[in-house]
């Protein structure tokens, strides 16, 4: 054998990879050890926990964040634990979904679940109610909103679903750069609701957490995982240094695009004034309805020169009616909000009860009003007060006895044409003066005020009503005071002096400067009445509008423009 023949086989042998003691023939499986996945899981959890803080300006307190953190953490830990047992890749996302179902059944099922973890029919019904109340709360509340049970339920599910998607993208599909996309949901939402979007520090920390995830994944790949083989789908398909370089470069390119997208959603996208608010014009999706913060946005709309047609109607009433959308009857912190209760599907609008407490001795007149919606997109229906029947609606609509509102669970006012039969209430002053005594429990909730209410509210109320002997006379005195010459209607002064809105702190300032618009007058009347022990609420809705020259079938047409008034 020649020297050349003796050397070549030896060179060939040294060029071939050494067989792995764990894989016959030296063929590598491409699977990471279970230990190498835990750092990626930790980086995913950190990214989501930081990203969720972007919702802070939208929600009160921090309890909601801890709930989401526990839910997401449970999904990540269980998914990593199941994966360490070596099952089929598709088993891990299913395990994560099982964690979501079991945890929400335990936390929100009210004991209806089998062993408190497996949902039953009663659990599903409870979940349906929570979803409805959560959506209604999102649409009606202002920001920061009170995270009521329905909202917490939705947040918990959302955190779990995002965690499952992140885990599947980063580890099962081995595309960690794409795992940042689900985080854009909590990071991007503030940009659709708030003027300034998410806080800048939150965006920076989220970006840093995302880059940390990419770095940890790259280090894991260098630890011996061949791209494009093993579990899931690889990003890079080539081996060696060149393949590794492309993997790193591609990951950072995709990551950079994700960060830029988050910035665009949170900063460049303007908020949606009027879109989806209670009675807002139909120009956008239903998001946080701004509820009482609709008071602030109402002021913004009043100061705007752009007004659109909201609706028009014809009526048999002697006087054109006010059209109510929503009743604000409770406080969350210093701000008004609406009472949110589960929908009673038995309260169909073809037969609406008389207002609670309405005596048979009070004279009433039945009226009919035909309403055509032009530009209102709301889950609440504009109707005259004391409606007894509504016909012609599309979708499922139900009335609420305590608040006197009509809302839908699956439709909106967009494009609706309907007829409202209602009662015009005609109590005499004598009957109102005689309406004294202990209020029902359902009415006592309309007496509560925040503990931190400014002293000027009660002090002014008592000074104005001194000498009155009945709640009715006291209410009339408050009304005459606010309508007196001491006060000036002004839509700009509240903004210039920093007291825009309708919370009790704002009312305190309003009573000092005596300048404001309808929100301030309505809120001042309500909180001063409550300080005297007189039940009072605020109705958000539309003024009667303007009479047009269109006269059909003996009835004038009245045109109502947005925005709604208090």
Protein backbone atom coordinates (compact mmCIF):
# COMPACT_ATOMS: atom_id res chain seq x y z
CA UNK A 1 0.00 0.00 0.00
CA UNK A 2 1.37 3.38 -1.00
CA UNK A 3 1.94 6.18 1.43
CA UNK A 4 -0.90 8.18 -0.15
CA UNK A 5 -3.28 5.26 0.26
CA UNK A 6 -2.36 4.91 3.91
CA UNK A 7 -2.87 8.59 4.72
CA UNK A 8 -6.25 9.22 2.99
CA UNK A 9 -8.36 6.85 5.12
CA UNK A 10 -6.82 8.34 8.24
CA UNK A 11 -7.75 11.87 7.08
CA UNK A 12 -11.28 10.74 6.26
CA UNK A 13 -11.70 9.26 9.71
CA UNK A 14 -10.58 12.41 11.50
CA UNK A 15 -12.96 14.54 9.42
CA UNK A 16 -16.00 12.47 10.42
CA UNK A 17 -17.81 13.48 13.67
CA UNK A 18 -17.20 11.23 16.62
CA UNK A 19 -20.15 9.02 17.43
CA UNK A 20 -22.17 10.23 20.36
CA UNK A 21 -22.30 7.72 23.19
CA UNK A 22 -26.00 8.38 23.51
CA UNK A 23 -26.97 8.16 19.83
CA UNK A 24 -25.92 5.20 17.66
CA UNK A 25 -23.78 6.05 14.70
CA UNK A 26 -23.15 9.59 15.88
CA UNK A 27 -26.52 10.86 14.65
CA UNK A 28 -27.65 13.68 16.98
CA UNK A 29 -31.27 13.99 17.84
CA UNK A 30 -31.22 17.79 18.05
CA UNK A 31 -33.25 17.74 21.28
CA UNK A 32 -32.19 20.00 24.07
CA UNK A 33 -31.74 18.55 27.50
CA UNK A 34 -34.58 19.35 29.86
CA UNK A 35 -32.31 21.64 31.86
CA UNK A 36 -31.55 23.83 28.81
CA UNK A 37 -35.25 24.62 28.34
CA UNK A 38 -35.84 26.08 31.79
CA UNK A 39 -33.79 29.26 31.15
CA UNK A 40 -35.88 29.92 28.04
CA UNK A 41 -39.05 29.31 30.06
CA UNK A 42 -37.84 31.79 32.67
CA UNK A 43 -37.07 34.37 30.00
CA UNK A 44 -40.54 33.90 28.50
CA UNK A 45 -42.16 34.40 31.90
CA UNK A 46 -40.11 37.54 32.53
CA UNK A 47 -41.07 38.97 29.13
CA UNK A 48 -44.77 38.43 29.71
CA UNK A 49 -44.70 39.73 33.29
CA UNK A 50 -43.01 42.94 32.15
CA UNK A 51 -45.30 43.31 29.14
CA UNK A 52 -48.41 42.98 31.29
CA UNK A 53 -47.43 46.05 33.30
CA UNK A 54 -48.35 48.10 30.22
CA UNK A 55 -51.99 47.62 31.28
CA UNK A 56 -51.32 49.52 34.51
CA UNK A 57 -52.73 52.88 33.34
CA UNK A 58 -55.97 51.14 32.33
CA UNK A 59 -56.74 49.34 35.60
CA UNK A 60 -56.83 50.28 39.26
CA UNK A 61 -54.62 48.63 41.84
CA UNK A 62 -52.17 45.76 41.29
CA UNK A 63 -54.24 42.69 42.21
CA UNK A 64 -55.10 42.08 38.56
CA UNK A 65 -51.37 41.90 37.69
CA UNK A 66 -50.67 39.31 40.38
CA UNK A 67 -53.59 37.21 39.18
CA UNK A 68 -52.27 37.30 35.60
CA UNK A 69 -48.76 36.55 36.84
CA UNK A 70 -49.90 33.46 38.76
CA UNK A 71 -51.90 32.21 35.76
CA UNK A 72 -49.06 32.72 33.29
CA UNK A 73 -46.51 31.26 35.70
CA UNK A 74 -48.60 28.13 36.19
CA UNK A 75 -48.86 27.63 32.42
CA UNK A 76 -45.10 28.05 31.90
CA UNK A 77 -44.08 25.78 34.79
CA UNK A 78 -46.52 22.97 33.91
CA UNK A 79 -45.60 23.16 30.21
CA UNK A 80 -41.89 22.92 31.00
CA UNK A 81 -42.50 20.07 33.44
CA UNK A 82 -44.58 18.08 30.95
CA UNK A 83 -42.00 18.69 28.22
CA UNK A 84 -39.21 17.29 30.41
CA UNK A 85 -41.02 13.94 30.37
CA UNK A 86 -40.46 13.70 26.61
CA UNK A 87 -44.02 13.53 25.23
CA UNK A 88 -45.11 14.36 21.70
CA UNK A 89 -44.71 18.11 21.00
CA UNK A 90 -48.45 18.71 20.62
CA UNK A 91 -49.11 17.40 24.14
CA UNK A 92 -47.46 20.42 25.79
CA UNK A 93 -49.84 23.13 24.45
CA UNK A 94 -52.77 20.90 25.40
CA UNK A 95 -51.38 20.68 28.93
CA UNK A 96 -51.15 24.48 29.02
CA UNK A 97 -54.77 24.77 27.91
CA UNK A 98 -55.71 22.33 30.66
CA UNK A 99 -54.02 24.58 33.21
CA UNK A 100 -56.12 27.52 32.00
CA UNK A 101 -59.37 25.58 32.25
CA UNK A 102 -58.58 24.14 35.66
CA UNK A 103 -57.36 27.40 37.17
CA UNK A 104 -60.28 29.55 36.03
CA UNK A 105 -62.68 26.84 37.23
CA UNK A 106 -60.98 26.87 40.63
CA UNK A 107 -60.82 30.67 40.90
CA UNK A 108 -64.06 31.73 39.21
CA UNK A 109 -66.27 28.64 39.15
CA UNK A 110 -67.80 29.33 42.54
CA UNK A 111 -67.47 25.68 43.56
CA UNK A 112 -69.47 24.42 40.57
CA UNK A 113 -66.57 22.44 39.08
CA UNK A 114 -66.02 18.73 39.56
CA UNK A 115 -63.33 18.53 42.27
CA UNK A 116 -63.23 22.32 41.88
CA UNK A 117 -61.10 21.91 38.72
CA UNK A 118 -63.23 20.29 36.00
CA UNK A 119 -65.96 22.55 34.60
CA UNK A 120 -69.57 21.38 34.59
CA UNK A 121 -72.66 22.78 32.89
CA UNK A 122 -73.20 25.16 35.80
CA UNK A 123 -69.59 26.29 35.48
CA UNK A 124 -70.05 27.10 31.81
CA UNK A 125 -73.16 29.14 32.61
CA UNK A 126 -71.21 31.02 35.26
CA UNK A 127 -68.38 31.67 32.81
CA UNK A 128 -70.87 32.99 30.24
CA UNK A 129 -72.21 35.44 32.81
CA UNK A 130 -68.69 36.54 33.74
CA UNK A 131 -67.81 37.15 30.09
CA UNK A 132 -70.93 39.27 29.60
CA UNK A 133 -70.32 41.31 32.73
CA UNK A 134 -66.64 41.70 31.89
CA UNK A 135 -67.37 42.99 28.40
CA UNK A 136 -70.07 45.30 29.71
CA UNK A 137 -67.68 46.63 32.35
CA UNK A 138 -64.95 47.23 29.78
CA UNK A 139 -67.40 49.15 27.61
CA UNK A 140 -68.88 51.25 30.39
CA UNK A 141 -66.02 52.03 32.75
CA UNK A 142 -63.47 54.75 32.48
CA UNK A 143 -59.73 54.44 32.81
CA UNK A 144 -58.32 53.45 35.16
CA UNK A 145 -61.15 50.94 35.44
CA UNK A 146 -62.22 49.00 38.49
CA UNK A 147 -61.09 45.40 37.80
CA UNK A 148 -64.39 43.78 38.72
CA UNK A 149 -64.75 39.99 38.67
CA UNK A 150 -65.75 39.86 35.00
CA UNK A 151 -62.67 41.83 33.94
CA UNK A 152 -60.41 39.68 36.14
CA UNK A 153 -61.87 36.56 34.51
CA UNK A 154 -61.05 37.87 31.03
CA UNK A 155 -57.56 38.97 32.10
CA UNK A 156 -56.83 35.58 33.65
CA UNK A 157 -57.82 33.72 30.49
CA UNK A 158 -55.90 36.21 28.35
CA UNK A 159 -52.71 35.75 30.36
CA UNK A 160 -52.99 31.98 30.10
CA UNK A 161 -53.61 31.98 26.35
CA UNK A 162 -50.68 34.34 25.70
CA UNK A 163 -48.42 32.12 27.84
CA UNK A 164 -49.44 29.02 25.86
CA UNK A 165 -48.74 30.77 22.55
CA UNK A 166 -45.37 32.09 23.72
CA UNK A 167 -44.27 28.69 24.97
CA UNK A 168 -45.37 26.97 21.76
CA UNK A 169 -43.59 29.50 19.54
CA UNK A 170 -40.36 29.72 21.52
CA UNK A 171 -39.81 26.08 22.50
CA UNK A 172 -42.13 23.72 20.61
CA UNK A 173 -41.64 25.51 17.26
CA UNK A 174 -38.22 26.86 18.30
CA UNK A 175 -38.97 30.37 17.03
CA UNK A 176 -38.31 32.57 20.08
CA UNK A 177 -38.28 35.74 18.02
CA UNK A 178 -41.93 35.14 17.15
CA UNK A 179 -42.75 34.56 20.82
CA UNK A 180 -42.69 38.30 21.29
CA UNK A 181 -45.73 38.78 19.07
CA UNK A 182 -48.36 37.67 21.64
CA UNK A 183 -46.88 40.17 24.12
CA UNK A 184 -47.88 42.95 21.73
CA UNK A 185 -51.46 42.45 22.91
CA UNK A 186 -51.02 43.91 26.42
CA UNK A 187 -48.31 46.29 25.23
CA UNK A 188 -50.31 47.62 22.29
CA UNK A 189 -53.75 48.03 23.91
CA UNK A 190 -52.92 51.29 25.76
CA UNK A 191 -52.01 52.87 22.43
CA UNK A 192 -55.58 52.31 21.25
CA UNK A 193 -57.16 53.86 24.34
CA UNK A 194 -54.82 56.41 25.91
CA UNK A 195 -53.47 59.56 24.30
CA UNK A 196 -49.87 58.75 25.20
CA UNK A 197 -50.04 54.97 24.81
CA UNK A 198 -48.02 52.70 27.08
CA UNK A 199 -45.48 54.20 29.45
CA UNK A 200 -42.07 54.59 27.87
CA UNK A 201 -40.27 52.77 30.71
CA UNK A 202 -42.54 49.77 30.19
CA UNK A 203 -41.68 49.67 26.50
CA UNK A 204 -37.95 49.84 27.22
CA UNK A 205 -38.12 47.08 29.84
CA UNK A 206 -40.24 44.90 27.56
CA UNK A 207 -37.73 45.34 24.75
CA UNK A 208 -34.88 44.46 27.11
CA UNK A 209 -36.70 41.33 28.30
CA UNK A 210 -37.29 40.32 24.68
CA UNK A 211 -33.61 40.71 23.79
CA UNK A 212 -32.70 38.70 26.89
CA UNK A 213 -34.95 35.90 25.64
CA UNK A 214 -33.17 35.91 22.27
CA UNK A 215 -29.76 35.88 23.93
CA UNK A 216 -30.64 32.96 26.21
CA UNK A 217 -31.98 31.01 23.24
CA UNK A 218 -28.80 31.66 21.24
CA UNK A 219 -26.66 30.45 24.14
CA UNK A 220 -28.80 27.33 24.34
CA UNK A 221 -28.26 26.64 20.64
CA UNK A 222 -24.52 26.93 21.07
CA UNK A 223 -24.79 24.31 23.79
CA UNK A 224 -25.20 21.58 21.17
CA UNK A 225 -28.55 21.80 19.43
CA UNK A 226 -28.46 21.47 15.68
CA UNK A 227 -30.86 23.87 14.03
CA UNK A 228 -33.54 22.39 11.91
CA UNK A 229 -33.55 19.00 13.63
CA UNK A 230 -35.20 17.50 16.63
CA UNK A 231 -38.30 18.83 18.27
CA UNK A 232 -40.41 21.31 16.35
CA UNK A 233 -39.40 23.51 13.43
CA UNK A 234 -36.05 25.27 13.34
CA UNK A 235 -35.47 28.85 12.23
CA UNK A 236 -32.19 28.16 10.48
CA UNK A 237 -31.68 25.16 8.27
CA UNK A 238 -27.89 25.04 7.94
CA UNK A 239 -25.25 23.72 10.27
CA UNK A 240 -22.02 25.15 11.53
CA UNK A 241 -20.90 28.72 12.16
CA UNK A 242 -22.65 30.11 9.10
CA UNK A 243 -25.98 28.58 10.15
CA UNK A 244 -25.53 29.82 13.68
CA UNK A 245 -24.77 33.33 12.39
CA UNK A 246 -27.95 33.35 10.33
CA UNK A 247 -29.95 32.11 13.34
CA UNK A 248 -28.67 34.96 15.50
CA UNK A 249 -29.10 37.58 12.79
CA UNK A 250 -32.58 36.37 11.86
CA UNK A 251 -33.69 36.30 15.48
CA UNK A 252 -32.58 39.86 16.09
CA UNK A 253 -34.12 41.06 12.84
CA UNK A 254 -37.48 39.54 13.72
CA UNK A 255 -37.13 40.79 17.29
CA UNK A 256 -36.41 44.29 16.07
CA UNK A 257 -39.51 44.22 13.91
CA UNK A 258 -41.55 43.11 16.94
CA UNK A 259 -40.24 45.97 19.07
CA UNK A 260 -40.91 48.51 16.32
CA UNK A 261 -44.45 47.15 15.97
CA UNK A 262 -45.02 47.57 19.70
CA UNK A 263 -43.80 51.14 19.56
CA UNK A 264 -46.05 51.88 16.61
CA UNK A 265 -49.10 50.43 18.34
CA UNK A 266 -48.42 52.14 21.65
CA UNK A 267 -47.23 55.56 20.50
CA UNK A 268 -48.02 56.26 16.86
CA UNK A 269 -51.58 54.89 16.86
CA UNK A 270 -53.86 57.61 18.21
CA UNK A 271 -56.50 56.87 20.81
CA UNK A 272 -60.07 56.56 19.63
CA UNK A 273 -62.17 59.45 20.92
CA UNK A 274 -65.82 58.68 20.41
CA UNK A 275 -65.12 55.17 19.22
CA UNK A 276 -67.08 52.64 21.16
CA UNK A 277 -67.79 54.97 24.05
CA UNK A 278 -71.24 55.04 25.51
CA UNK A 279 -73.09 56.66 22.67
CA UNK A 280 -69.97 57.33 20.64
CA UNK A 281 -70.20 57.65 16.87
CA UNK A 282 -69.78 54.44 14.92
CA UNK A 283 -66.21 54.92 13.78
CA UNK A 284 -64.28 52.24 15.58
CA UNK A 285 -64.31 49.09 17.68
CA UNK A 286 -65.85 48.76 21.12
CA UNK A 287 -63.03 49.16 23.62
CA UNK A 288 -63.05 50.70 27.04
CA UNK A 289 -66.24 52.73 26.85
CA UNK A 290 -64.78 55.42 29.11
CA UNK A 291 -67.95 55.26 31.25
CA UNK A 292 -67.51 58.16 33.60
CA UNK A 293 -64.36 59.15 31.87
CA UNK A 294 -66.84 59.64 29.06
CA UNK A 295 -67.47 62.80 31.08
CA UNK A 296 -63.96 63.94 30.21
CA UNK A 297 -64.31 62.81 26.61
CA UNK A 298 -67.71 64.48 26.45
CA UNK A 299 -65.99 67.75 27.24
CA UNK A 300 -63.46 67.04 24.48
CA UNK A 301 -66.32 66.45 22.04
CA UNK A 302 -68.13 69.59 23.17
CA UNK A 303 -64.99 71.57 22.44
CA UNK A 304 -64.64 69.96 19.02
CA UNK A 305 -66.03 71.65 15.94
CA UNK A 306 -66.78 68.26 14.35
CA UNK A 307 -70.24 66.96 15.22
CA UNK A 308 -72.01 64.13 13.44
CA UNK A 309 -75.59 62.95 13.30
CA UNK A 310 -76.32 60.54 16.16
CA UNK A 311 -79.97 59.70 15.52
CA UNK A 312 -83.34 61.16 14.57
CA UNK A 313 -86.83 60.43 15.84
CA UNK A 314 -90.53 61.26 15.70
CA UNK A 315 -92.71 61.23 18.78
CA UNK A 316 -96.28 61.61 19.96
CA UNK A 317 -95.07 63.36 23.13
CA UNK A 318 -96.21 66.91 23.75
CA UNK A 319 -92.59 67.79 24.56
CA UNK A 320 -89.63 66.14 22.77
CA UNK A 321 -88.03 63.69 25.22
CA UNK A 322 -84.54 63.24 26.56
CA UNK A 323 -83.06 59.91 25.40
CA UNK A 324 -81.18 58.00 28.10
CA UNK A 325 -78.38 55.54 27.40
CA UNK A 326 -76.77 54.67 30.69
CA UNK A 327 -77.19 55.36 34.40
CA UNK A 328 -74.14 56.19 36.51
CA UNK A 329 -75.05 55.29 40.07
CA UNK A 330 -71.92 54.24 41.96
CA UNK A 331 -68.40 55.45 42.67
CA UNK A 332 -65.09 53.72 42.02
CA UNK A 333 -62.65 55.85 43.93
CA UNK A 334 -63.59 59.48 43.26
CA UNK A 335 -65.23 58.75 39.89
CA UNK A 336 -68.74 57.82 38.79
CA UNK A 337 -69.36 54.51 37.09
CA UNK A 338 -72.31 52.32 36.12
CA UNK A 339 -73.69 49.45 38.16
CA UNK A 340 -72.97 46.24 36.28
CA UNK A 341 -75.18 43.24 36.96
CA UNK A 342 -75.63 39.89 35.20
CA UNK A 343 -78.14 40.02 32.38
CA UNK A 344 -81.58 38.66 33.21
CA UNK A 345 -82.68 37.04 29.95
CA UNK A 346 -86.26 37.04 31.21
CA UNK A 347 -86.35 40.85 31.02
CA UNK A 348 -87.20 41.06 27.33
CA UNK A 349 -88.09 44.46 25.93
CA UNK A 350 -91.54 43.46 24.73
CA UNK A 351 -92.81 43.92 28.30
CA UNK A 352 -90.87 46.26 30.62
CA UNK A 353 -91.93 46.77 34.23
CA UNK A 354 -93.03 50.16 35.50
CA UNK A 355 -90.29 52.12 37.30
CA UNK A 356 -89.83 50.78 40.86
CA UNK A 357 -91.62 52.87 43.45
CA UNK A 358 -93.97 54.54 40.99
CA UNK A 359 -97.27 54.98 42.78
CA UNK A 360 -100.57 54.28 41.04
CA UNK A 361 -101.70 57.75 42.16
CA UNK A 362 -99.10 59.43 39.93
CA UNK A 363 -100.62 60.50 36.61
CA UNK A 364 -98.96 59.05 33.49
CA UNK A 365 -99.39 59.51 29.76
CA UNK A 366 -98.44 56.82 27.24
CA UNK A 367 -96.23 58.06 24.40
CA UNK A 368 -94.76 56.51 21.26
CA UNK A 369 -91.38 57.42 19.76
CA UNK A 370 -89.89 56.07 16.51
CA UNK A 371 -86.07 56.20 16.59
CA UNK A 372 -83.64 55.77 13.68
CA UNK A 373 -79.94 55.43 14.55
CA UNK A 374 -77.63 57.39 12.26
CA UNK A 375 -74.22 57.19 13.90
CA UNK A 376 -74.37 55.68 17.39
CA UNK A 377 -72.50 52.41 18.06
CA UNK A 378 -73.30 51.34 21.61
CA UNK A 379 -74.44 48.31 23.55
CA UNK A 380 -76.93 50.58 25.34
CA UNK A 381 -80.14 51.69 23.65
CA UNK A 382 -81.19 55.37 23.56
CA UNK A 383 -84.79 55.52 24.84
CA UNK A 384 -87.12 58.02 26.52
CA UNK A 385 -87.42 57.55 30.28
CA UNK A 386 -89.84 55.00 31.74
CA UNK A 387 -89.99 52.81 28.61
CA UNK A 388 -92.59 50.03 28.79
CA UNK A 389 -92.02 48.34 25.43
CA UNK A 390 -89.57 48.40 22.51
CA UNK A 391 -90.26 46.81 19.14
CA UNK A 392 -88.35 46.48 15.86
CA UNK A 393 -84.89 45.79 17.32
CA UNK A 394 -82.37 43.40 15.78
CA UNK A 395 -80.55 41.21 18.30
CA UNK A 396 -81.25 40.28 21.91
CA UNK A 397 -82.00 43.26 24.15
CA UNK A 398 -82.86 43.23 27.86
CA UNK A 399 -83.89 45.85 30.42
CA UNK A 400 -82.38 46.39 33.84
CA UNK A 401 -84.84 47.26 36.59
CA UNK A 402 -82.54 49.02 39.11
CA UNK A 403 -80.91 51.28 36.52
CA UNK A 404 -83.67 51.64 33.94
CA UNK A 405 -81.29 50.93 31.06
CA UNK A 406 -81.72 48.66 28.03
CA UNK A 407 -78.69 46.79 26.70
CA UNK A 408 -77.80 43.99 24.30
CA UNK A 409 -75.57 40.97 24.79
CA UNK A 410 -74.91 40.31 21.10
CA UNK A 411 -75.71 43.44 19.10
CA UNK A 412 -75.27 47.21 19.01
CA UNK A 413 -77.36 50.22 18.13
CA UNK A 414 -75.66 50.54 14.76
CA UNK A 415 -78.30 50.84 12.01
CA UNK A 416 -81.24 50.08 14.32
CA UNK A 417 -84.77 51.38 13.74
CA UNK A 418 -87.22 50.82 16.59
CA UNK A 419 -90.32 52.10 18.33
CA UNK A 420 -90.42 52.87 22.06
CA UNK A 421 -93.63 52.97 24.07
CA UNK A 422 -93.01 54.95 27.24
CA UNK A 423 -94.72 56.74 30.11
CA UNK A 424 -94.54 60.47 30.73
CA UNK A 425 -94.62 60.82 34.52
CA UNK A 426 -96.63 63.74 35.88
CA UNK A 427 -96.35 63.83 39.68
CA UNK A 428 -97.60 66.95 41.45
CA UNK A 429 -95.42 68.98 43.86
CA UNK A 430 -97.70 67.85 46.68
CA UNK A 431 -97.11 64.18 45.84
CA UNK A 432 -93.35 64.74 45.70
CA UNK A 433 -93.31 66.53 49.04
CA UNK A 434 -95.25 63.66 50.57
CA UNK A 435 -92.78 61.07 49.24
CA UNK A 436 -90.80 60.78 52.46
CA UNK A 437 -89.81 57.92 54.74
CA UNK A 438 -87.23 55.14 54.63
CA UNK A 439 -85.83 54.36 51.20
CA UNK A 440 -85.80 50.78 49.86
CA UNK A 441 -82.50 48.89 50.02
CA UNK A 442 -82.18 49.08 46.22
CA UNK A 443 -82.30 52.89 46.44
CA UNK A 444 -79.90 53.31 49.37
CA UNK A 445 -76.96 52.56 47.08
CA UNK A 446 -77.71 55.91 45.44
CA UNK A 447 -76.77 57.66 48.70
CA UNK A 448 -73.12 56.66 48.95
CA UNK A 449 -70.24 59.09 48.43
CA UNK A 450 -66.47 58.52 48.51
CA UNK A 451 -64.97 59.00 51.95
CA UNK A 452 -62.54 61.58 50.62
CA UNK A 453 -65.25 63.89 49.24
CA UNK A 454 -64.28 67.59 49.58
CA UNK A 455 -65.98 69.30 52.51
CA UNK A 456 -67.19 72.12 50.27
CA UNK A 457 -69.77 69.77 48.72
CA UNK A 458 -71.78 69.13 51.87
CA UNK A 459 -71.14 72.61 53.24
CA UNK A 460 -72.50 74.24 50.09
CA UNK A 461 -75.47 71.86 49.94
CA UNK A 462 -76.51 72.59 53.52
CA UNK A 463 -76.12 76.32 53.06
CA UNK A 464 -78.20 76.34 49.88
CA UNK A 465 -80.99 74.18 51.34
CA UNK A 466 -81.24 75.78 54.78
CA UNK A 467 -84.88 76.46 55.56
CA UNK A 468 -86.26 73.61 53.40
CA UNK A 469 -88.36 70.95 55.13
CA UNK A 470 -88.66 68.14 52.57
CA UNK A 471 -86.20 66.33 50.25
CA UNK A 472 -88.19 67.62 47.26
CA UNK A 473 -87.82 71.27 48.32
CA UNK A 474 -84.13 70.72 49.03
CA UNK A 475 -83.63 69.23 45.55
CA UNK A 476 -85.42 72.18 43.97
CA UNK A 477 -83.21 74.59 45.95
CA UNK A 478 -80.05 72.84 44.67
CA UNK A 479 -81.36 73.01 41.11
CA UNK A 480 -82.14 76.72 41.35
CA UNK A 481 -78.72 77.39 42.87
CA UNK A 482 -76.87 75.68 40.00
CA UNK A 483 -79.07 77.45 37.45
CA UNK A 484 -78.49 80.83 39.07
CA UNK A 485 -76.41 83.74 37.86
CA UNK A 486 -73.41 82.76 40.01
CA UNK A 487 -72.51 79.97 37.58
CA UNK A 488 -71.26 80.26 34.00
CA UNK A 489 -71.44 77.59 31.30
CA UNK A 490 -67.92 77.26 29.87
CA UNK A 491 -66.34 74.27 28.10
CA UNK A 492 -62.78 75.60 28.18
CA UNK A 493 -62.30 76.83 31.76
CA UNK A 494 -62.17 73.30 33.27
CA UNK A 495 -59.35 72.33 30.91
CA UNK A 496 -57.37 75.53 31.45
CA UNK A 497 -57.67 75.23 35.24
CA UNK A 498 -57.17 71.46 35.38
CA UNK A 499 -60.51 70.21 36.71
CA UNK A 500 -62.06 68.49 33.71
CA UNK A 501 -64.33 65.51 34.41
CA UNK A 502 -67.07 64.73 36.94
CA UNK A 503 -65.49 63.10 40.01
CA UNK A 504 -66.06 64.44 43.52
CA UNK A 505 -62.65 66.14 43.59
CA UNK A 506 -63.55 67.94 40.36
CA UNK A 507 -66.94 68.96 41.76
CA UNK A 508 -65.18 70.52 44.74
CA UNK A 509 -63.16 72.75 42.42
CA UNK A 510 -66.20 73.50 40.27
CA UNK A 511 -68.14 74.79 43.28
CA UNK A 512 -65.26 77.16 43.99
CA UNK A 513 -64.70 78.58 40.49
CA UNK A 514 -68.36 78.24 39.38
CA UNK A 515 -67.50 77.67 35.72
CA UNK A 516 -68.01 74.45 33.74
CA UNK A 517 -70.24 72.51 31.38
CA UNK A 518 -73.06 69.96 31.69
CA UNK A 519 -70.91 67.26 33.30
CA UNK A 520 -69.99 69.56 36.17
CA UNK A 521 -73.52 70.78 36.75
CA UNK A 522 -75.01 67.27 36.68
CA UNK A 523 -72.35 65.76 38.94
CA UNK A 524 -72.54 68.69 41.39
CA UNK A 525 -76.32 68.30 41.63
CA UNK A 526 -76.04 64.56 42.29
CA UNK A 527 -73.25 64.63 44.88
CA UNK A 528 -74.74 67.58 46.79
CA UNK A 529 -78.09 65.76 46.91
CA UNK A 530 -76.41 62.61 48.21
CA UNK A 531 -74.60 64.61 50.88
CA UNK A 532 -78.05 65.58 52.18
CA UNK A 533 -79.37 62.01 52.14
CA UNK A 534 -81.33 62.42 48.89
CA UNK A 535 -80.90 59.52 46.42
CA UNK A 536 -79.39 60.80 43.17
CA UNK A 537 -77.84 59.33 40.02
CA UNK A 538 -76.56 60.67 36.69
CA UNK A 539 -78.12 59.76 33.35
CA UNK A 540 -75.88 59.79 30.27
CA UNK A 541 -77.85 60.31 27.10
CA UNK A 542 -79.03 62.77 24.46
CA UNK A 543 -80.84 66.07 24.63
CA UNK A 544 -84.13 66.29 22.69
CA UNK A 545 -82.36 67.65 19.61
CA UNK A 546 -83.57 70.19 17.09
CA UNK A 547 -86.86 70.22 15.20
CA UNK A 548 -86.53 69.92 11.42
CA UNK A 549 -88.88 71.05 8.68
CA UNK A 550 -89.63 67.40 7.80
CA UNK A 551 -93.24 66.74 8.83
CA UNK A 552 -94.73 63.29 8.13
CA UNK A 553 -97.93 61.69 9.43
CA UNK A 554 -98.57 64.58 11.75
CA UNK A 555 -95.24 64.31 13.58
CA UNK A 556 -92.17 66.49 13.45
CA UNK A 557 -88.73 65.00 12.93
CA UNK A 558 -86.11 65.80 15.57
CA UNK A 559 -82.41 65.52 14.72
CA UNK A 560 -79.90 64.68 17.46
CA UNK A 561 -76.19 65.23 17.00
CA UNK A 562 -73.33 63.60 18.92
CA UNK A 563 -71.99 63.77 21.57
CA UNK A 564 -74.36 62.65 24.34
CA UNK A 565 -74.95 64.91 27.30
CA UNK A 566 -75.26 64.30 31.03
